């Protein structure tokens, strides 16, 4: 990547787990950063979805108690 906007584009595409493949890291440092970024994206999505599903479950229990 030669420009900062390419790096931001790559980060957003990688973080959202799309990964088009039009850019890829070349240096060892860049590859390490990408590995950490992908791992953090997976953890973020897992935590977010877990909290979301847990809240929906709690709302369903509350609705069942009312009926």
PDB file of N, CA and C in Angstrom:
ATOM      1  N   UNK A   1       0.842  -1.166   0.000  1.00  0.00           N
ATOM      2  CA  UNK A   1       0.000   0.000   0.000  1.00  0.00           C
ATOM      3  C   UNK A   1       0.890   1.232   0.000  1.00  0.00           C
ATOM      4  N   UNK A   2       0.563   2.137  -0.858  1.00  0.00           N
ATOM      5  CA  UNK A   2       1.413   3.303  -1.038  1.00  0.00           C
ATOM      6  C   UNK A   2       0.808   4.586  -0.466  1.00  0.00           C
ATOM      7  N   UNK A   3      -0.493   4.569  -0.195  1.00  0.00           N
ATOM      8  CA  UNK A   3      -1.159   5.782   0.276  1.00  0.00           C
ATOM      9  C   UNK A   3      -1.925   5.472   1.557  1.00  0.00           C
ATOM     10  N   UNK A   4      -2.120   6.507   2.369  1.00  0.00           N
ATOM     11  CA  UNK A   4      -2.820   6.323   3.633  1.00  0.00           C
ATOM     12  C   UNK A   4      -4.271   5.920   3.418  1.00  0.00           C
ATOM     13  N   UNK A   5      -4.903   6.397   2.350  1.00  0.00           N
ATOM     14  CA  UNK A   5      -6.307   6.048   2.120  1.00  0.00           C
ATOM     15  C   UNK A   5      -6.445   4.576   1.724  1.00  0.00           C
ATOM     16  N   UNK A   6      -5.411   4.002   1.109  1.00  0.00           N
ATOM     17  CA  UNK A   6      -5.419   2.565   0.837  1.00  0.00           C
ATOM     18  C   UNK A   6      -5.391   1.773   2.137  1.00  0.00           C
ATOM     19  N   UNK A   7      -4.604   2.242   3.097  1.00  0.00           N
ATOM     20  CA  UNK A   7      -4.506   1.562   4.389  1.00  0.00           C
ATOM     21  C   UNK A   7      -5.824   1.638   5.150  1.00  0.00           C
ATOM     22  N   UNK A   8      -6.481   2.787   5.102  1.00  0.00           N
ATOM     23  CA  UNK A   8      -7.771   2.918   5.782  1.00  0.00           C
ATOM     24  C   UNK A   8      -8.810   2.029   5.113  1.00  0.00           C
ATOM     25  N   UNK A   9      -8.833   2.034   3.781  1.00  0.00           N
ATOM     26  CA  UNK A   9      -9.759   1.168   3.043  1.00  0.00           C
ATOM     27  C   UNK A   9      -9.524  -0.301   3.409  1.00  0.00           C
ATOM     28  N   UNK A  10      -8.263  -0.715   3.410  1.00  0.00           N
ATOM     29  CA  UNK A  10      -7.923  -2.096   3.747  1.00  0.00           C
ATOM     30  C   UNK A  10      -8.378  -2.433   5.166  1.00  0.00           C
ATOM     31  N   UNK A  11      -8.173  -1.509   6.099  1.00  0.00           N
ATOM     32  CA  UNK A  11      -8.569  -1.739   7.485  1.00  0.00           C
ATOM     33  C   UNK A  11     -10.071  -1.899   7.620  1.00  0.00           C
ATOM     34  N   UNK A  12     -10.822  -1.050   6.967  1.00  0.00           N
ATOM     35  CA  UNK A  12     -12.282  -1.130   7.053  1.00  0.00           C
ATOM     36  C   UNK A  12     -12.783  -2.423   6.425  1.00  0.00           C
ATOM     37  N   UNK A  13     -12.263  -2.767   5.257  1.00  0.00           N
ATOM     38  CA  UNK A  13     -12.688  -3.991   4.588  1.00  0.00           C
ATOM     39  C   UNK A  13     -12.325  -5.217   5.424  1.00  0.00           C
ATOM     40  N   UNK A  14     -11.156  -5.201   6.024  1.00  0.00           N
ATOM     41  CA  UNK A  14     -10.737  -6.326   6.853  1.00  0.00           C
ATOM     42  C   UNK A  14     -11.552  -6.391   8.138  1.00  0.00           C
ATOM     43  N   UNK A  15     -11.773  -5.256   8.765  1.00  0.00           N
ATOM     44  CA  UNK A  15     -12.510  -5.233  10.033  1.00  0.00           C
ATOM     45  C   UNK A  15     -13.949  -5.697   9.852  1.00  0.00           C
ATOM     46  N   UNK A  16     -14.537  -5.394   8.732  1.00  0.00           N
ATOM     47  CA  UNK A  16     -15.915  -5.810   8.485  1.00  0.00           C
ATOM     48  C   UNK A  16     -15.985  -7.218   7.913  1.00  0.00           C
ATOM     49  N   UNK A  17     -14.882  -7.897   7.867  1.00  0.00           N
ATOM     50  CA  UNK A  17     -14.732  -9.285   7.421  1.00  0.00           C
ATOM     51  C   UNK A  17     -15.164  -9.509   5.972  1.00  0.00           C
ATOM     52  N   UNK A  18     -15.109  -8.475   5.150  1.00  0.00           N
ATOM     53  CA  UNK A  18     -15.411  -8.641   3.732  1.00  0.00           C
ATOM     54  C   UNK A  18     -14.213  -9.215   2.984  1.00  0.00           C
ATOM     55  N   UNK A  19     -13.067  -8.584   3.141  1.00  0.00           N
ATOM     56  CA  UNK A  19     -11.837  -9.073   2.549  1.00  0.00           C
ATOM     57  C   UNK A  19     -11.895  -9.293   1.044  1.00  0.00           C
ATOM     58  N   UNK A  20     -12.001  -8.247   0.283  1.00  0.00           N
ATOM     59  CA  UNK A  20     -12.109  -8.360  -1.165  1.00  0.00           C
ATOM     60  C   UNK A  20     -10.866  -8.959  -1.810  1.00  0.00           C
ATOM     61  N   UNK A  21      -9.703  -8.744  -1.243  1.00  0.00           N
ATOM     62  CA  UNK A  21      -8.476  -9.283  -1.802  1.00  0.00           C
ATOM     63  C   UNK A  21      -7.772  -8.357  -2.765  1.00  0.00           C
ATOM     64  N   UNK A  22      -8.269  -7.124  -2.912  1.00  0.00           N
ATOM     65  CA  UNK A  22      -7.615  -6.195  -3.827  1.00  0.00           C
ATOM     66  C   UNK A  22      -6.349  -5.599  -3.229  1.00  0.00           C
ATOM     67  N   UNK A  23      -6.211  -5.645  -1.915  1.00  0.00           N
ATOM     68  CA  UNK A  23      -4.982  -5.246  -1.229  1.00  0.00           C
ATOM     69  C   UNK A  23      -4.592  -6.386  -0.298  1.00  0.00           C
ATOM     70  N   UNK A  24      -3.308  -6.559  -0.127  1.00  0.00           N
ATOM     71  CA  UNK A  24      -2.849  -7.549   0.845  1.00  0.00           C
ATOM     72  C   UNK A  24      -1.534  -7.068   1.446  1.00  0.00           C
ATOM     73  N   UNK A  25      -1.297  -7.421   2.709  1.00  0.00           N
ATOM     74  CA  UNK A  25      -0.066  -6.977   3.360  1.00  0.00           C
ATOM     75  C   UNK A  25       1.149  -7.685   2.766  1.00  0.00           C
ATOM     76  N   UNK A  26       2.271  -6.966   2.733  1.00  0.00           N
ATOM     77  CA  UNK A  26       3.485  -7.519   2.147  1.00  0.00           C
ATOM     78  C   UNK A  26       4.551  -7.757   3.215  1.00  0.00           C
ATOM     79  N   UNK A  27       4.743  -6.794   4.087  1.00  0.00           N
ATOM     80  CA  UNK A  27       5.801  -6.913   5.096  1.00  0.00           C
ATOM     81  C   UNK A  27       5.326  -7.760   6.276  1.00  0.00           C
ATOM     82  N   UNK A  28       6.276  -8.260   7.046  1.00  0.00           N
ATOM     83  CA  UNK A  28       5.946  -9.065   8.220  1.00  0.00           C
ATOM     84  C   UNK A  28       5.182  -8.246   9.252  1.00  0.00           C
ATOM     85  N   UNK A  29       5.563  -6.999   9.422  1.00  0.00           N
ATOM     86  CA  UNK A  29       4.870  -6.122  10.367  1.00  0.00           C
ATOM     87  C   UNK A  29       3.418  -5.923   9.955  1.00  0.00           C
ATOM     88  N   UNK A  30       3.196  -5.674   8.681  1.00  0.00           N
ATOM     89  CA  UNK A  30       1.828  -5.472   8.185  1.00  0.00           C
ATOM     90  C   UNK A  30       0.999  -6.741   8.356  1.00  0.00           C
ATOM     91  N   UNK A  31       1.595  -7.885   8.110  1.00  0.00           N
ATOM     92  CA  UNK A  31       0.870  -9.146   8.276  1.00  0.00           C
ATOM     93  C   UNK A  31       0.487  -9.371   9.734  1.00  0.00           C
ATOM     94  N   UNK A  32       1.384  -9.021  10.651  1.00  0.00           N
ATOM     95  CA  UNK A  32       1.096  -9.155  12.077  1.00  0.00           C
ATOM     96  C   UNK A  32      -0.042  -8.229  12.483  1.00  0.00           C
ATOM     97  N   UNK A  33      -0.017  -7.007  11.998  1.00  0.00           N
ATOM     98  CA  UNK A  33      -1.085  -6.052  12.305  1.00  0.00           C
ATOM     99  C   UNK A  33      -2.424  -6.550  11.780  1.00  0.00           C
ATOM    100  N   UNK A  34      -2.419  -7.112  10.590  1.00  0.00           N
ATOM    101  CA  UNK A  34      -3.661  -7.622  10.006  1.00  0.00           C
ATOM    102  C   UNK A  34      -4.187  -8.802  10.820  1.00  0.00           C
ATOM    103  N   UNK A  35      -3.306  -9.677  11.249  1.00  0.00           N
ATOM    104  CA  UNK A  35      -3.737 -10.804  12.083  1.00  0.00           C
ATOM    105  C   UNK A  35      -4.395 -10.299  13.359  1.00  0.00           C
ATOM    106  N   UNK A  36      -3.784  -9.317  14.009  1.00  0.00           N
ATOM    107  CA  UNK A  36      -4.372  -8.743  15.222  1.00  0.00           C
ATOM    108  C   UNK A  36      -5.692  -8.045  14.930  1.00  0.00           C
ATOM    109  N   UNK A  37      -5.760  -7.380  13.792  1.00  0.00           N
ATOM    110  CA  UNK A  37      -6.982  -6.678  13.426  1.00  0.00           C
ATOM    111  C   UNK A  37      -8.122  -7.658  13.149  1.00  0.00           C
ATOM    112  N   UNK A  38      -7.838  -8.727  12.452  1.00  0.00           N
ATOM    113  CA  UNK A  38      -8.866  -9.720  12.159  1.00  0.00           C
ATOM    114  C   UNK A  38      -9.326 -10.391  13.457  1.00  0.00           C
ATOM    115  N   UNK A  39      -8.392 -10.713  14.332  1.00  0.00           N
ATOM    116  CA  UNK A  39      -8.758 -11.322  15.610  1.00  0.00           C
ATOM    117  C   UNK A  39      -9.637 -10.372  16.425  1.00  0.00           C
ATOM    118  N   UNK A  40      -9.288  -9.096  16.446  1.00  0.00           N
ATOM    119  CA  UNK A  40     -10.098  -8.140  17.201  1.00  0.00           C
ATOM    120  C   UNK A  40     -11.481  -7.976  16.572  1.00  0.00           C
ATOM    121  N   UNK A  41     -11.578  -8.060  15.257  1.00  0.00           N
ATOM    122  CA  UNK A  41     -12.883  -7.968  14.595  1.00  0.00           C
ATOM    123  C   UNK A  41     -13.758  -9.159  14.975  1.00  0.00           C
ATOM    124  N   UNK A  42     -13.179 -10.339  14.993  1.00  0.00           N
ATOM    125  CA  UNK A  42     -13.938 -11.532  15.368  1.00  0.00           C
ATOM    126  C   UNK A  42     -14.405 -11.422  16.819  1.00  0.00           C
ATOM    127  N   UNK A  43     -13.525 -10.987  17.701  1.00  0.00           N
ATOM    128  CA  UNK A  43     -13.895 -10.835  19.109  1.00  0.00           C
ATOM    129  C   UNK A  43     -14.982  -9.779  19.264  1.00  0.00           C
ATOM    130  N   UNK A  44     -14.836  -8.652  18.572  1.00  0.00           N
ATOM    131  CA  UNK A  44     -15.833  -7.588  18.652  1.00  0.00           C
ATOM    132  C   UNK A  44     -17.200  -8.077  18.187  1.00  0.00           C
ATOM    133  N   UNK A  45     -17.240  -8.752  17.064  1.00  0.00           N
ATOM    134  CA  UNK A  45     -18.511  -9.239  16.523  1.00  0.00           C
ATOM    135  C   UNK A  45     -19.120 -10.284  17.453  1.00  0.00           C
ATOM    136  N   UNK A  46     -18.295 -11.166  18.002  1.00  0.00           N
ATOM    137  CA  UNK A  46     -18.783 -12.190  18.912  1.00  0.00           C
ATOM    138  C   UNK A  46     -19.378 -11.571  20.174  1.00  0.00           C
ATOM    139  N   UNK A  47     -18.687 -10.613  20.756  1.00  0.00           N
ATOM    140  CA  UNK A  47     -19.190  -9.959  21.972  1.00  0.00           C
ATOM    141  C   UNK A  47     -20.468  -9.187  21.669  1.00  0.00           C
ATOM    142  N   UNK A  48     -20.483  -8.463  20.566  1.00  0.00           N
ATOM    143  CA  UNK A  48     -21.665  -7.682  20.196  1.00  0.00           C
ATOM    144  C   UNK A  48     -22.874  -8.588  19.976  1.00  0.00           C
ATOM    145  N   UNK A  49     -22.702  -9.651  19.203  1.00  0.00           N
ATOM    146  CA  UNK A  49     -23.822 -10.553  18.942  1.00  0.00           C
ATOM    147  C   UNK A  49     -24.260 -11.282  20.213  1.00  0.00           C
ATOM    148  N   UNK A  50     -23.310 -11.657  21.049  1.00  0.00           N
ATOM    149  CA  UNK A  50     -23.661 -12.304  22.310  1.00  0.00           C
ATOM    150  C   UNK A  50     -24.505 -11.410  23.197  1.00  0.00           C
ATOM    151  N   UNK A  51     -24.113 -10.160  23.326  1.00  0.00           N
ATOM    152  CA  UNK A  51     -24.878  -9.206  24.130  1.00  0.00           C
ATOM    153  C   UNK A  51     -26.253  -8.959  23.525  1.00  0.00           C
ATOM    154  N   UNK A  52     -26.310  -8.861  22.214  1.00  0.00           N
ATOM    155  CA  UNK A  52     -27.578  -8.615  21.519  1.00  0.00           C
ATOM    156  C   UNK A  52     -28.547  -9.774  21.740  1.00  0.00           C
ATOM    157  N   UNK A  53     -28.072 -10.986  21.543  1.00  0.00           N
ATOM    158  CA  UNK A  53     -28.927 -12.168  21.716  1.00  0.00           C
ATOM    159  C   UNK A  53     -29.340 -12.324  23.175  1.00  0.00           C
ATOM    160  N   UNK A  54     -28.440 -12.026  24.103  1.00  0.00           N
ATOM    161  CA  UNK A  54     -28.771 -12.106  25.519  1.00  0.00           C
ATOM    162  C   UNK A  54     -29.883 -11.130  25.870  1.00  0.00           C
ATOM    163  N   UNK A  55     -29.807  -9.919  25.345  1.00  0.00           N
ATOM    164  CA  UNK A  55     -30.854  -8.918  25.616  1.00  0.00           C
ATOM    165  C   UNK A  55     -32.186  -9.342  25.021  1.00  0.00           C
ATOM    166  N   UNK A  56     -32.167  -9.928  23.859  1.00  0.00           N
ATOM    167  CA  UNK A  56     -33.418 -10.403  23.254  1.00  0.00           C
ATOM    168  C   UNK A  56     -34.013 -11.514  24.110  1.00  0.00           C
ATOM    169  N   UNK A  57     -33.155 -12.410  24.603  1.00  0.00           N
ATOM    170  CA  UNK A  57     -33.637 -13.469  25.485  1.00  0.00           C
ATOM    171  C   UNK A  57     -34.277 -12.930  26.740  1.00  0.00           C
ATOM    172  N   UNK A  58     -33.678 -11.904  27.321  1.00  0.00           N
ATOM    173  CA  UNK A  58     -34.245 -11.288  28.519  1.00  0.00           C
ATOM    174  C   UNK A  58     -35.583 -10.626  28.213  1.00  0.00           C
ATOM    175  N   UNK A  59     -35.697  -9.975  27.066  1.00  0.00           N
ATOM    176  CA  UNK A  59     -36.969  -9.352  26.684  1.00  0.00           C
ATOM    177  C   UNK A  59     -38.057 -10.400  26.480  1.00  0.00           C
ATOM    178  N   UNK A  60     -37.703 -11.527  25.915  1.00  0.00           N
ATOM    179  CA  UNK A  60     -38.684 -12.601  25.719  1.00  0.00           C
ATOM    180  C   UNK A  60     -39.152 -13.137  27.064  1.00  0.00           C
ATOM    181  N   UNK A  61     -38.241 -13.310  28.021  1.00  0.00           N
ATOM    182  CA  UNK A  61     -38.622 -13.779  29.351  1.00  0.00           C
ATOM    183  C   UNK A  61     -39.559 -12.790  30.031  1.00  0.00           C
ATOM    184  N   UNK A  62     -39.281 -11.505  29.899  1.00  0.00           N
ATOM    185  CA  UNK A  62     -40.143 -10.474  30.495  1.00  0.00           C
ATOM    186  C   UNK A  62     -41.535 -10.530  29.872  1.00  0.00           C
ATOM    187  N   UNK A  63     -41.602 -10.684  28.555  1.00  0.00           N
ATOM    188  CA  UNK A  63     -42.904 -10.769  27.881  1.00  0.00           C
ATOM    189  C   UNK A  63     -43.660 -12.010  28.300  1.00  0.00           C
ATOM    190  N   UNK A  64     -42.963 -13.124  28.497  1.00  0.00           N
ATOM    191  CA  UNK A  64     -43.628 -14.365  28.916  1.00  0.00           C
ATOM    192  C   UNK A  64     -44.195 -14.241  30.322  1.00  0.00           C
ATOM    193  N   UNK A  65     -43.514 -13.515  31.198  1.00  0.00           N
ATOM    194  CA  UNK A  65     -43.995 -13.318  32.570  1.00  0.00           C
ATOM    195  C   UNK A  65     -45.251 -12.473  32.609  1.00  0.00           C
ATOM    196  N   UNK A  66     -45.360 -11.539  31.673  1.00  0.00           N
ATOM    197  CA  UNK A  66     -46.532 -10.649  31.634  1.00  0.00           C
ATOM    198  C   UNK A  66     -47.771 -11.371  31.148  1.00  0.00           C
ATOM    199  N   UNK A  67     -47.575 -12.436  30.370  1.00  0.00           N
ATOM    200  CA  UNK A  67     -48.761 -13.128  29.820  1.00  0.00           C
ATOM    201  C   UNK A  67     -49.189 -14.295  30.652  1.00  0.00           C
TER     202      UNK A  67
END
